[in-house]
């Protein structure tokens, strides 16, 4: 069984609702609103716990927590040839590889 405490939670202010909203990255359709930040976090955590239990009881596939996934550090992205050229020029001007240049750009 997946440990619901290992999911990626955050709490942010919702100007529209005038309350804090608790969110879970692995369950983007779920949210929990409350006037209190801590209660919003507790609410989304409890909601995810209940959803995970329900999914398990129904033999549904439960999302793996992002924190428990392994990442290779590689991914492929497709861009236009013009954008590729601009990035290659930027890398050349900085005297670094294209890979290093893009990595540095993504880190900002």
PDB file of N, CA and C in Angstrom:
ATOM      1  N   UNK A   1       0.851  -1.193   0.000  1.00  0.00           N
ATOM      2  CA  UNK A   1       0.000   0.000   0.000  1.00  0.00           C
ATOM      3  C   UNK A   1       0.891   1.248   0.000  1.00  0.00           C
ATOM      4  N   UNK A   2       0.500   2.243  -0.733  1.00  0.00           N
ATOM      5  CA  UNK A   2       1.227   3.500  -0.824  1.00  0.00           C
ATOM      6  C   UNK A   2       1.030   4.290   0.462  1.00  0.00           C
ATOM      7  N   UNK A   3       2.105   4.925   0.934  1.00  0.00           N
ATOM      8  CA  UNK A   3       2.021   5.775   2.117  1.00  0.00           C
ATOM      9  C   UNK A   3       1.595   7.178   1.681  1.00  0.00           C
ATOM     10  N   UNK A   4       0.403   7.579   2.046  1.00  0.00           N
ATOM     11  CA  UNK A   4      -0.146   8.869   1.610  1.00  0.00           C
ATOM     12  C   UNK A   4       0.665  10.051   2.152  1.00  0.00           C
ATOM     13  N   UNK A   5       1.439   9.851   3.219  1.00  0.00           N
ATOM     14  CA  UNK A   5       2.274  10.926   3.765  1.00  0.00           C
ATOM     15  C   UNK A   5       3.445  11.273   2.850  1.00  0.00           C
ATOM     16  N   UNK A   6       3.754  10.402   1.890  1.00  0.00           N
ATOM     17  CA  UNK A   6       4.897  10.618   1.005  1.00  0.00           C
ATOM     18  C   UNK A   6       4.545  11.418  -0.247  1.00  0.00           C
ATOM     19  N   UNK A   7       3.287  11.791  -0.401  1.00  0.00           N
ATOM     20  CA  UNK A   7       2.890  12.589  -1.552  1.00  0.00           C
ATOM     21  C   UNK A   7       3.380  14.040  -1.409  1.00  0.00           C
ATOM     22  N   UNK A   8       3.286  14.786  -2.490  1.00  0.00           N
ATOM     23  CA  UNK A   8       3.765  16.161  -2.539  1.00  0.00           C
ATOM     24  C   UNK A   8       2.600  17.110  -2.269  1.00  0.00           C
ATOM     25  N   UNK A   9       2.601  17.705  -1.088  1.00  0.00           N
ATOM     26  CA  UNK A   9       1.523  18.604  -0.681  1.00  0.00           C
ATOM     27  C   UNK A   9       2.007  20.053  -0.669  1.00  0.00           C
ATOM     28  N   UNK A  10       1.069  20.957  -0.909  1.00  0.00           N
ATOM     29  CA  UNK A  10       1.363  22.373  -0.715  1.00  0.00           C
ATOM     30  C   UNK A  10       0.081  23.099  -0.337  1.00  0.00           C
ATOM     31  N   UNK A  11       0.262  24.230   0.316  1.00  0.00           N
ATOM     32  CA  UNK A  11      -0.859  25.086   0.687  1.00  0.00           C
ATOM     33  C   UNK A  11      -0.578  26.468   0.127  1.00  0.00           C
ATOM     34  N   UNK A  12      -1.562  27.035  -0.521  1.00  0.00           N
ATOM     35  CA  UNK A  12      -1.428  28.376  -1.087  1.00  0.00           C
ATOM     36  C   UNK A  12      -2.709  29.153  -0.809  1.00  0.00           C
ATOM     37  N   UNK A  13      -2.607  30.468  -0.893  1.00  0.00           N
ATOM     38  CA  UNK A  13      -3.771  31.316  -0.673  1.00  0.00           C
ATOM     39  C   UNK A  13      -4.579  31.418  -1.954  1.00  0.00           C
ATOM     40  N   UNK A  14      -5.893  31.305  -1.848  1.00  0.00           N
ATOM     41  CA  UNK A  14      -6.801  31.485  -2.977  1.00  0.00           C
ATOM     42  C   UNK A  14      -7.531  32.817  -2.797  1.00  0.00           C
ATOM     43  N   UNK A  15      -7.168  33.800  -3.623  1.00  0.00           N
ATOM     44  CA  UNK A  15      -7.843  35.100  -3.562  1.00  0.00           C
ATOM     45  C   UNK A  15      -9.309  34.965  -3.934  1.00  0.00           C
ATOM     46  N   UNK A  16      -9.571  34.085  -4.874  1.00  0.00           N
ATOM     47  CA  UNK A  16     -10.946  33.875  -5.335  1.00  0.00           C
ATOM     48  C   UNK A  16     -11.838  33.358  -4.213  1.00  0.00           C
ATOM     49  N   UNK A  17     -11.308  32.388  -3.441  1.00  0.00           N
ATOM     50  CA  UNK A  17     -12.096  31.780  -2.363  1.00  0.00           C
ATOM     51  C   UNK A  17     -11.893  32.465  -1.022  1.00  0.00           C
ATOM     52  N   UNK A  18     -10.862  33.316  -0.946  1.00  0.00           N
ATOM     53  CA  UNK A  18     -10.486  33.978   0.294  1.00  0.00           C
ATOM     54  C   UNK A  18     -10.231  32.976   1.412  1.00  0.00           C
ATOM     55  N   UNK A  19      -9.571  31.873   1.023  1.00  0.00           N
ATOM     56  CA  UNK A  19      -9.184  30.831   1.966  1.00  0.00           C
ATOM     57  C   UNK A  19      -7.883  30.206   1.473  1.00  0.00           C
ATOM     58  N   UNK A  20      -7.246  29.449   2.358  1.00  0.00           N
ATOM     59  CA  UNK A  20      -6.099  28.664   1.948  1.00  0.00           C
ATOM     60  C   UNK A  20      -6.605  27.416   1.232  1.00  0.00           C
ATOM     61  N   UNK A  21      -5.856  26.985   0.236  1.00  0.00           N
ATOM     62  CA  UNK A  21      -6.224  25.779  -0.483  1.00  0.00           C
ATOM     63  C   UNK A  21      -5.070  24.777  -0.381  1.00  0.00           C
ATOM     64  N   UNK A  22      -5.397  23.586   0.091  1.00  0.00           N
ATOM     65  CA  UNK A  22      -4.436  22.502   0.170  1.00  0.00           C
ATOM     66  C   UNK A  22      -4.497  21.700  -1.119  1.00  0.00           C
ATOM     67  N   UNK A  23      -3.314  21.396  -1.682  1.00  0.00           N
ATOM     68  CA  UNK A  23      -3.219  20.685  -2.959  1.00  0.00           C
ATOM     69  C   UNK A  23      -2.251  19.518  -2.842  1.00  0.00           C
ATOM     70  N   UNK A  24      -2.398  18.560  -3.755  1.00  0.00           N
ATOM     71  CA  UNK A  24      -1.504  17.412  -3.827  1.00  0.00           C
ATOM     72  C   UNK A  24      -1.119  17.219  -5.291  1.00  0.00           C
ATOM     73  N   UNK A  25       0.184  17.287  -5.587  1.00  0.00           N
ATOM     74  CA  UNK A  25       0.657  17.213  -6.978  1.00  0.00           C
ATOM     75  C   UNK A  25       0.249  15.905  -7.653  1.00  0.00           C
ATOM     76  N   UNK A  26       0.247  14.809  -6.926  1.00  0.00           N
ATOM     77  CA  UNK A  26      -0.078  13.512  -7.509  1.00  0.00           C
ATOM     78  C   UNK A  26      -1.582  13.334  -7.747  1.00  0.00           C
ATOM     79  N   UNK A  27      -2.383  14.171  -7.124  1.00  0.00           N
ATOM     80  CA  UNK A  27      -3.843  14.141  -7.295  1.00  0.00           C
ATOM     81  C   UNK A  27      -4.324  15.556  -7.638  1.00  0.00           C
ATOM     82  N   UNK A  28      -4.048  16.036  -8.858  1.00  0.00           N
ATOM     83  CA  UNK A  28      -4.346  17.424  -9.209  1.00  0.00           C
ATOM     84  C   UNK A  28      -5.830  17.791  -9.189  1.00  0.00           C
ATOM     85  N   UNK A  29      -6.721  16.813  -9.190  1.00  0.00           N
ATOM     86  CA  UNK A  29      -8.152  17.129  -9.169  1.00  0.00           C
ATOM     87  C   UNK A  29      -8.674  17.333  -7.754  1.00  0.00           C
ATOM     88  N   UNK A  30      -7.856  17.087  -6.744  1.00  0.00           N
ATOM     89  CA  UNK A  30      -8.293  17.229  -5.358  1.00  0.00           C
ATOM     90  C   UNK A  30      -7.801  18.541  -4.764  1.00  0.00           C
ATOM     91  N   UNK A  31      -8.612  19.121  -3.879  1.00  0.00           N
ATOM     92  CA  UNK A  31      -8.207  20.308  -3.133  1.00  0.00           C
ATOM     93  C   UNK A  31      -9.030  20.363  -1.849  1.00  0.00           C
ATOM     94  N   UNK A  32      -8.533  21.165  -0.904  1.00  0.00           N
ATOM     95  CA  UNK A  32      -9.251  21.336   0.363  1.00  0.00           C
ATOM     96  C   UNK A  32      -9.094  22.781   0.803  1.00  0.00           C
ATOM     97  N   UNK A  33     -10.211  23.449   1.029  1.00  0.00           N
ATOM     98  CA  UNK A  33     -10.218  24.860   1.422  1.00  0.00           C
ATOM     99  C   UNK A  33     -10.472  25.028   2.903  1.00  0.00           C
ATOM    100  N   UNK A  34      -9.760  26.011   3.496  1.00  0.00           N
ATOM    101  CA  UNK A  34     -10.013  26.358   4.892  1.00  0.00           C
ATOM    102  C   UNK A  34      -9.410  27.733   5.183  1.00  0.00           C
ATOM    103  N   UNK A  35      -9.974  28.426   6.145  1.00  0.00           N
ATOM    104  CA  UNK A  35      -9.449  29.746   6.553  1.00  0.00           C
ATOM    105  C   UNK A  35      -8.079  29.619   7.214  1.00  0.00           C
ATOM    106  N   UNK A  36      -7.785  28.438   7.763  1.00  0.00           N
ATOM    107  CA  UNK A  36      -6.537  28.198   8.473  1.00  0.00           C
ATOM    108  C   UNK A  36      -5.574  27.383   7.602  1.00  0.00           C
ATOM    109  N   UNK A  37      -4.342  27.857   7.461  1.00  0.00           N
ATOM    110  CA  UNK A  37      -3.336  27.185   6.628  1.00  0.00           C
ATOM    111  C   UNK A  37      -3.091  25.740   7.083  1.00  0.00           C
ATOM    112  N   UNK A  38      -2.914  25.539   8.375  1.00  0.00           N
ATOM    113  CA  UNK A  38      -2.629  24.190   8.884  1.00  0.00           C
ATOM    114  C   UNK A  38      -3.805  23.246   8.677  1.00  0.00           C
ATOM    115  N   UNK A  39      -5.002  23.757   8.840  1.00  0.00           N
ATOM    116  CA  UNK A  39      -6.198  22.938   8.634  1.00  0.00           C
ATOM    117  C   UNK A  39      -6.349  22.565   7.163  1.00  0.00           C
ATOM    118  N   UNK A  40      -5.969  23.473   6.262  1.00  0.00           N
ATOM    119  CA  UNK A  40      -6.018  23.169   4.819  1.00  0.00           C
ATOM    120  C   UNK A  40      -5.051  22.036   4.493  1.00  0.00           C
ATOM    121  N   UNK A  41      -3.855  22.059   5.080  1.00  0.00           N
ATOM    122  CA  UNK A  41      -2.885  20.979   4.858  1.00  0.00           C
ATOM    123  C   UNK A  41      -3.397  19.665   5.437  1.00  0.00           C
ATOM    124  N   UNK A  42      -3.916  19.718   6.626  1.00  0.00           N
ATOM    125  CA  UNK A  42      -4.471  18.512   7.254  1.00  0.00           C
ATOM    126  C   UNK A  42      -5.649  17.978   6.441  1.00  0.00           C
ATOM    127  N   UNK A  43      -6.467  18.884   5.919  1.00  0.00           N
ATOM    128  CA  UNK A  43      -7.635  18.479   5.143  1.00  0.00           C
ATOM    129  C   UNK A  43      -7.265  17.775   3.850  1.00  0.00           C
ATOM    130  N   UNK A  44      -6.304  18.321   3.103  1.00  0.00           N
ATOM    131  CA  UNK A  44      -5.919  17.677   1.844  1.00  0.00           C
ATOM    132  C   UNK A  44      -5.227  16.346   2.125  1.00  0.00           C
ATOM    133  N   UNK A  45      -4.443  16.285   3.197  1.00  0.00           N
ATOM    134  CA  UNK A  45      -3.772  15.030   3.555  1.00  0.00           C
ATOM    135  C   UNK A  45      -4.794  13.955   3.895  1.00  0.00           C
ATOM    136  N   UNK A  46      -5.800  14.314   4.679  1.00  0.00           N
ATOM    137  CA  UNK A  46      -6.854  13.353   5.039  1.00  0.00           C
ATOM    138  C   UNK A  46      -7.655  12.934   3.808  1.00  0.00           C
ATOM    139  N   UNK A  47      -7.933  13.885   2.931  1.00  0.00           N
ATOM    140  CA  UNK A  47      -8.682  13.582   1.711  1.00  0.00           C
ATOM    141  C   UNK A  47      -7.907  12.593   0.839  1.00  0.00           C
ATOM    142  N   UNK A  48      -6.622  12.837   0.660  1.00  0.00           N
ATOM    143  CA  UNK A  48      -5.792  11.932  -0.139  1.00  0.00           C
ATOM    144  C   UNK A  48      -5.743  10.551   0.523  1.00  0.00           C
ATOM    145  N   UNK A  49      -5.604  10.505   1.831  1.00  0.00           N
ATOM    146  CA  UNK A  49      -5.608   9.219   2.538  1.00  0.00           C
ATOM    147  C   UNK A  49      -6.873   8.437   2.228  1.00  0.00           C
ATOM    148  N   UNK A  50      -8.022   9.102   2.277  1.00  0.00           N
ATOM    149  CA  UNK A  50      -9.294   8.439   2.009  1.00  0.00           C
ATOM    150  C   UNK A  50      -9.396   7.979   0.549  1.00  0.00           C
ATOM    151  N   UNK A  51      -8.930   8.804  -0.383  1.00  0.00           N
ATOM    152  CA  UNK A  51      -8.974   8.455  -1.808  1.00  0.00           C
ATOM    153  C   UNK A  51      -8.058   7.267  -2.081  1.00  0.00           C
ATOM    154  N   UNK A  52      -6.857   7.258  -1.490  1.00  0.00           N
ATOM    155  CA  UNK A  52      -5.918   6.140  -1.676  1.00  0.00           C
ATOM    156  C   UNK A  52      -6.528   4.854  -1.124  1.00  0.00           C
ATOM    157  N   UNK A  53      -7.150   4.928   0.041  1.00  0.00           N
ATOM    158  CA  UNK A  53      -7.798   3.750   0.625  1.00  0.00           C
ATOM    159  C   UNK A  53      -8.919   3.246  -0.272  1.00  0.00           C
ATOM    160  N   UNK A  54      -9.724   4.160  -0.796  1.00  0.00           N
ATOM    161  CA  UNK A  54     -10.828   3.794  -1.688  1.00  0.00           C
ATOM    162  C   UNK A  54     -10.296   3.169  -2.980  1.00  0.00           C
ATOM    163  N   UNK A  55      -9.250   3.769  -3.547  1.00  0.00           N
ATOM    164  CA  UNK A  55      -8.665   3.211  -4.774  1.00  0.00           C
ATOM    165  C   UNK A  55      -8.117   1.809  -4.518  1.00  0.00           C
ATOM    166  N   UNK A  56      -7.465   1.625  -3.372  1.00  0.00           N
ATOM    167  CA  UNK A  56      -6.944   0.304  -3.025  1.00  0.00           C
ATOM    168  C   UNK A  56      -8.056  -0.719  -2.866  1.00  0.00           C
ATOM    169  N   UNK A  57      -9.146  -0.332  -2.224  1.00  0.00           N
ATOM    170  CA  UNK A  57     -10.280  -1.228  -2.015  1.00  0.00           C
ATOM    171  C   UNK A  57     -10.939  -1.625  -3.331  1.00  0.00           C
ATOM    172  N   UNK A  58     -10.821  -0.757  -4.341  1.00  0.00           N
ATOM    173  CA  UNK A  58     -11.415  -1.024  -5.648  1.00  0.00           C
ATOM    174  C   UNK A  58     -10.402  -1.526  -6.675  1.00  0.00           C
ATOM    175  N   UNK A  59      -9.232  -1.916  -6.191  1.00  0.00           N
ATOM    176  CA  UNK A  59      -8.159  -2.437  -7.054  1.00  0.00           C
ATOM    177  C   UNK A  59      -7.797  -1.484  -8.194  1.00  0.00           C
ATOM    178  N   UNK A  60      -7.862  -0.182  -7.924  1.00  0.00           N
ATOM    179  CA  UNK A  60      -7.457   0.817  -8.905  1.00  0.00           C
ATOM    180  C   UNK A  60      -5.957   1.088  -8.748  1.00  0.00           C
ATOM    181  N   UNK A  61      -5.349   1.572  -9.804  1.00  0.00           N
ATOM    182  CA  UNK A  61      -3.936   1.910  -9.762  1.00  0.00           C
ATOM    183  C   UNK A  61      -3.747   3.184  -8.958  1.00  0.00           C
ATOM    184  N   UNK A  62      -2.938   3.105  -7.921  1.00  0.00           N
ATOM    185  CA  UNK A  62      -2.689   4.248  -7.042  1.00  0.00           C
ATOM    186  C   UNK A  62      -1.411   4.944  -7.518  1.00  0.00           C
ATOM    187  N   UNK A  63      -1.458   6.258  -7.718  1.00  0.00           N
ATOM    188  CA  UNK A  63      -0.259   6.971  -8.168  1.00  0.00           C
ATOM    189  C   UNK A  63       0.905   6.799  -7.197  1.00  0.00           C
ATOM    190  N   UNK A  64       2.095   6.621  -7.758  1.00  0.00           N
ATOM    191  CA  UNK A  64       3.303   6.527  -6.945  1.00  0.00           C
ATOM    192  C   UNK A  64       3.695   7.936  -6.502  1.00  0.00           C
ATOM    193  N   UNK A  65       4.083   8.110  -5.241  1.00  0.00           N
ATOM    194  CA  UNK A  65       4.540   9.429  -4.803  1.00  0.00           C
ATOM    195  C   UNK A  65       5.765   9.878  -5.610  1.00  0.00           C
ATOM    196  N   UNK A  66       5.779  11.136  -6.011  1.00  0.00           N
ATOM    197  CA  UNK A  66       6.911  11.677  -6.755  1.00  0.00           C
ATOM    198  C   UNK A  66       8.200  11.474  -5.977  1.00  0.00           C
ATOM    199  N   UNK A  67       8.131  11.603  -4.659  1.00  0.00           N
ATOM    200  CA  UNK A  67       9.320  11.468  -3.816  1.00  0.00           C
ATOM    201  C   UNK A  67       9.923  10.074  -3.850  1.00  0.00           C
ATOM    202  N   UNK A  68       9.173   9.083  -4.287  1.00  0.00           N
ATOM    203  CA  UNK A  68       9.660   7.707  -4.319  1.00  0.00           C
ATOM    204  C   UNK A  68      10.050   7.242  -5.719  1.00  0.00           C
ATOM    205  N   UNK A  69       9.864   8.092  -6.716  1.00  0.00           N
ATOM    206  CA  UNK A  69      10.235   7.739  -8.084  1.00  0.00           C
ATOM    207  C   UNK A  69      11.728   7.960  -8.291  1.00  0.00           C
ATOM    208  N   UNK A  70      12.305   7.180  -9.189  1.00  0.00           N
ATOM    209  CA  UNK A  70      13.700   7.357  -9.567  1.00  0.00           C
ATOM    210  C   UNK A  70      13.753   8.146 -10.871  1.00  0.00           C
ATOM    211  N   UNK A  71      14.665   9.105 -10.934  1.00  0.00           N
ATOM    212  CA  UNK A  71      14.817   9.936 -12.120  1.00  0.00           C
ATOM    213  C   UNK A  71      16.230   9.774 -12.671  1.00  0.00           C
ATOM    214  N   UNK A  72      16.332   9.651 -13.978  1.00  0.00           N
ATOM    215  CA  UNK A  72      17.629   9.442 -14.634  1.00  0.00           C
ATOM    216  C   UNK A  72      18.404  10.739 -14.812  1.00  0.00           C
ATOM    217  N   UNK A  73      17.703  11.860 -14.779  1.00  0.00           N
ATOM    218  CA  UNK A  73      18.356  13.134 -15.061  1.00  0.00           C
ATOM    219  C   UNK A  73      18.345  13.466 -16.544  1.00  0.00           C
ATOM    220  N   UNK A  74      17.668  12.637 -17.330  1.00  0.00           N
ATOM    221  CA  UNK A  74      17.569  12.863 -18.771  1.00  0.00           C
ATOM    222  C   UNK A  74      16.098  12.977 -19.162  1.00  0.00           C
ATOM    223  N   UNK A  75      15.828  13.883 -20.091  1.00  0.00           N
ATOM    224  CA  UNK A  75      14.513  13.929 -20.714  1.00  0.00           C
ATOM    225  C   UNK A  75      14.670  14.572 -22.087  1.00  0.00           C
ATOM    226  N   UNK A  76      13.760  14.252 -22.966  1.00  0.00           N
ATOM    227  CA  UNK A  76      13.815  14.760 -24.333  1.00  0.00           C
ATOM    228  C   UNK A  76      12.716  15.797 -24.498  1.00  0.00           C
ATOM    229  N   UNK A  77      13.075  16.890 -25.128  1.00  0.00           N
ATOM    230  CA  UNK A  77      12.087  17.931 -25.396  1.00  0.00           C
ATOM    231  C   UNK A  77      12.229  18.341 -26.857  1.00  0.00           C
ATOM    232  N   UNK A  78      11.115  18.501 -27.522  1.00  0.00           N
ATOM    233  CA  UNK A  78      11.135  18.922 -28.924  1.00  0.00           C
ATOM    234  C   UNK A  78      10.850  20.414 -28.991  1.00  0.00           C
ATOM    235  N   UNK A  79      11.682  21.107 -29.770  1.00  0.00           N
ATOM    236  CA  UNK A  79      11.525  22.544 -29.948  1.00  0.00           C
ATOM    237  C   UNK A  79      11.651  22.857 -31.436  1.00  0.00           C
ATOM    238  N   UNK A  80      11.293  24.053 -31.804  1.00  0.00           N
ATOM    239  CA  UNK A  80      11.399  24.440 -33.207  1.00  0.00           C
ATOM    240  C   UNK A  80      12.878  24.552 -33.603  1.00  0.00           C
ATOM    241  N   UNK A  81      13.187  24.351 -34.887  1.00  0.00           N
ATOM    242  CA  UNK A  81      14.574  24.519 -35.342  1.00  0.00           C
ATOM    243  C   UNK A  81      15.127  25.919 -35.044  1.00  0.00           C
ATOM    244  N   UNK A  82      14.284  26.927 -35.116  1.00  0.00           N
ATOM    245  CA  UNK A  82      14.728  28.295 -34.830  1.00  0.00           C
ATOM    246  C   UNK A  82      15.136  28.452 -33.367  1.00  0.00           C
ATOM    247  N   UNK A  83      14.336  27.886 -32.484  1.00  0.00           N
ATOM    248  CA  UNK A  83      14.652  27.947 -31.049  1.00  0.00           C
ATOM    249  C   UNK A  83      15.935  27.160 -30.770  1.00  0.00           C
ATOM    250  N   UNK A  84      16.093  26.020 -31.397  1.00  0.00           N
ATOM    251  CA  UNK A  84      17.299  25.203 -31.254  1.00  0.00           C
ATOM    252  C   UNK A  84      18.529  26.020 -31.676  1.00  0.00           C
ATOM    253  N   UNK A  85      18.415  26.714 -32.798  1.00  0.00           N
ATOM    254  CA  UNK A  85      19.515  27.555 -33.292  1.00  0.00           C
ATOM    255  C   UNK A  85      19.860  28.645 -32.279  1.00  0.00           C
ATOM    256  N   UNK A  86      18.839  29.320 -31.727  1.00  0.00           N
ATOM    257  CA  UNK A  86      19.095  30.388 -30.744  1.00  0.00           C
ATOM    258  C   UNK A  86      19.803  29.835 -29.505  1.00  0.00           C
ATOM    259  N   UNK A  87      19.388  28.662 -29.071  1.00  0.00           N
ATOM    260  CA  UNK A  87      20.036  28.048 -27.912  1.00  0.00           C
ATOM    261  C   UNK A  87      21.481  27.663 -28.233  1.00  0.00           C
ATOM    262  N   UNK A  88      21.705  27.129 -29.421  1.00  0.00           N
ATOM    263  CA  UNK A  88      23.067  26.759 -29.823  1.00  0.00           C
ATOM    264  C   UNK A  88      23.965  27.990 -29.883  1.00  0.00           C
ATOM    265  N   UNK A  89      23.445  29.102 -30.378  1.00  0.00           N
ATOM    266  CA  UNK A  89      24.206  30.345 -30.434  1.00  0.00           C
ATOM    267  C   UNK A  89      24.533  30.822 -29.017  1.00  0.00           C
ATOM    268  N   UNK A  90      23.532  30.771 -28.139  1.00  0.00           N
ATOM    269  CA  UNK A  90      23.762  31.172 -26.747  1.00  0.00           C
ATOM    270  C   UNK A  90      24.823  30.325 -26.075  1.00  0.00           C
ATOM    271  N   UNK A  91      24.796  29.017 -26.327  1.00  0.00           N
ATOM    272  CA  UNK A  91      25.800  28.111 -25.758  1.00  0.00           C
ATOM    273  C   UNK A  91      27.185  28.444 -26.293  1.00  0.00           C
ATOM    274  N   UNK A  92      27.270  28.689 -27.586  1.00  0.00           N
ATOM    275  CA  UNK A  92      28.561  29.027 -28.194  1.00  0.00           C
ATOM    276  C   UNK A  92      29.099  30.331 -27.613  1.00  0.00           C
ATOM    277  N   UNK A  93      28.234  31.312 -27.440  1.00  0.00           N
ATOM    278  CA  UNK A  93      28.665  32.590 -26.879  1.00  0.00           C
ATOM    279  C   UNK A  93      29.149  32.459 -25.439  1.00  0.00           C
ATOM    280  N   UNK A  94      28.559  31.521 -24.709  1.00  0.00           N
ATOM    281  CA  UNK A  94      28.961  31.291 -23.321  1.00  0.00           C
ATOM    282  C   UNK A  94      30.120  30.294 -23.209  1.00  0.00           C
ATOM    283  N   UNK A  95      30.490  29.708 -24.339  1.00  0.00           N
ATOM    284  CA  UNK A  95      31.581  28.719 -24.416  1.00  0.00           C
ATOM    285  C   UNK A  95      31.309  27.495 -23.537  1.00  0.00           C
ATOM    286  N   UNK A  96      30.056  27.031 -23.608  1.00  0.00           N
ATOM    287  CA  UNK A  96      29.657  25.808 -22.906  1.00  0.00           C
ATOM    288  C   UNK A  96      28.886  24.925 -23.885  1.00  0.00           C
ATOM    289  N   UNK A  97      28.713  23.669 -23.514  1.00  0.00           N
ATOM    290  CA  UNK A  97      27.940  22.769 -24.371  1.00  0.00           C
ATOM    291  C   UNK A  97      26.472  23.186 -24.374  1.00  0.00           C
ATOM    292  N   UNK A  98      25.763  22.772 -25.398  1.00  0.00           N
ATOM    293  CA  UNK A  98      24.333  23.059 -25.475  1.00  0.00           C
ATOM    294  C   UNK A  98      23.623  22.444 -24.270  1.00  0.00           C
ATOM    295  N   UNK A  99      24.000  21.231 -23.907  1.00  0.00           N
ATOM    296  CA  UNK A  99      23.391  20.556 -22.758  1.00  0.00           C
ATOM    297  C   UNK A  99      23.585  21.388 -21.487  1.00  0.00           C
ATOM    298  N   UNK A 100      24.808  21.859 -21.261  1.00  0.00           N
ATOM    299  CA  UNK A 100      25.105  22.660 -20.067  1.00  0.00           C
ATOM    300  C   UNK A 100      24.319  23.978 -20.099  1.00  0.00           C
ATOM    301  N   UNK A 101      24.279  24.601 -21.259  1.00  0.00           N
ATOM    302  CA  UNK A 101      23.575  25.877 -21.413  1.00  0.00           C
ATOM    303  C   UNK A 101      22.086  25.725 -21.084  1.00  0.00           C
ATOM    304  N   UNK A 102      21.451  24.716 -21.645  1.00  0.00           N
ATOM    305  CA  UNK A 102      20.017  24.493 -21.395  1.00  0.00           C
ATOM    306  C   UNK A 102      19.783  24.132 -19.929  1.00  0.00           C
ATOM    307  N   UNK A 103      20.662  23.310 -19.373  1.00  0.00           N
ATOM    308  CA  UNK A 103      20.540  22.942 -17.958  1.00  0.00           C
ATOM    309  C   UNK A 103      20.603  24.175 -17.071  1.00  0.00           C
ATOM    310  N   UNK A 104      21.526  25.075 -17.366  1.00  0.00           N
ATOM    311  CA  UNK A 104      21.633  26.308 -16.591  1.00  0.00           C
ATOM    312  C   UNK A 104      20.397  27.193 -16.764  1.00  0.00           C
ATOM    313  N   UNK A 105      19.863  27.248 -17.979  1.00  0.00           N
ATOM    314  CA  UNK A 105      18.651  28.035 -18.237  1.00  0.00           C
ATOM    315  C   UNK A 105      17.463  27.475 -17.442  1.00  0.00           C
ATOM    316  N   UNK A 106      17.368  26.149 -17.387  1.00  0.00           N
ATOM    317  CA  UNK A 106      16.249  25.528 -16.659  1.00  0.00           C
ATOM    318  C   UNK A 106      16.365  25.729 -15.151  1.00  0.00           C
ATOM    319  N   UNK A 107      17.587  25.867 -14.655  1.00  0.00           N
ATOM    320  CA  UNK A 107      17.799  26.022 -13.220  1.00  0.00           C
ATOM    321  C   UNK A 107      17.377  27.401 -12.718  1.00  0.00           C
ATOM    322  N   UNK A 108      17.222  28.343 -13.614  1.00  0.00           N
ATOM    323  CA  UNK A 108      16.859  29.724 -13.200  1.00  0.00           C
ATOM    324  C   UNK A 108      15.396  29.863 -12.929  1.00  0.00           C
TER     325      UNK A 108
END
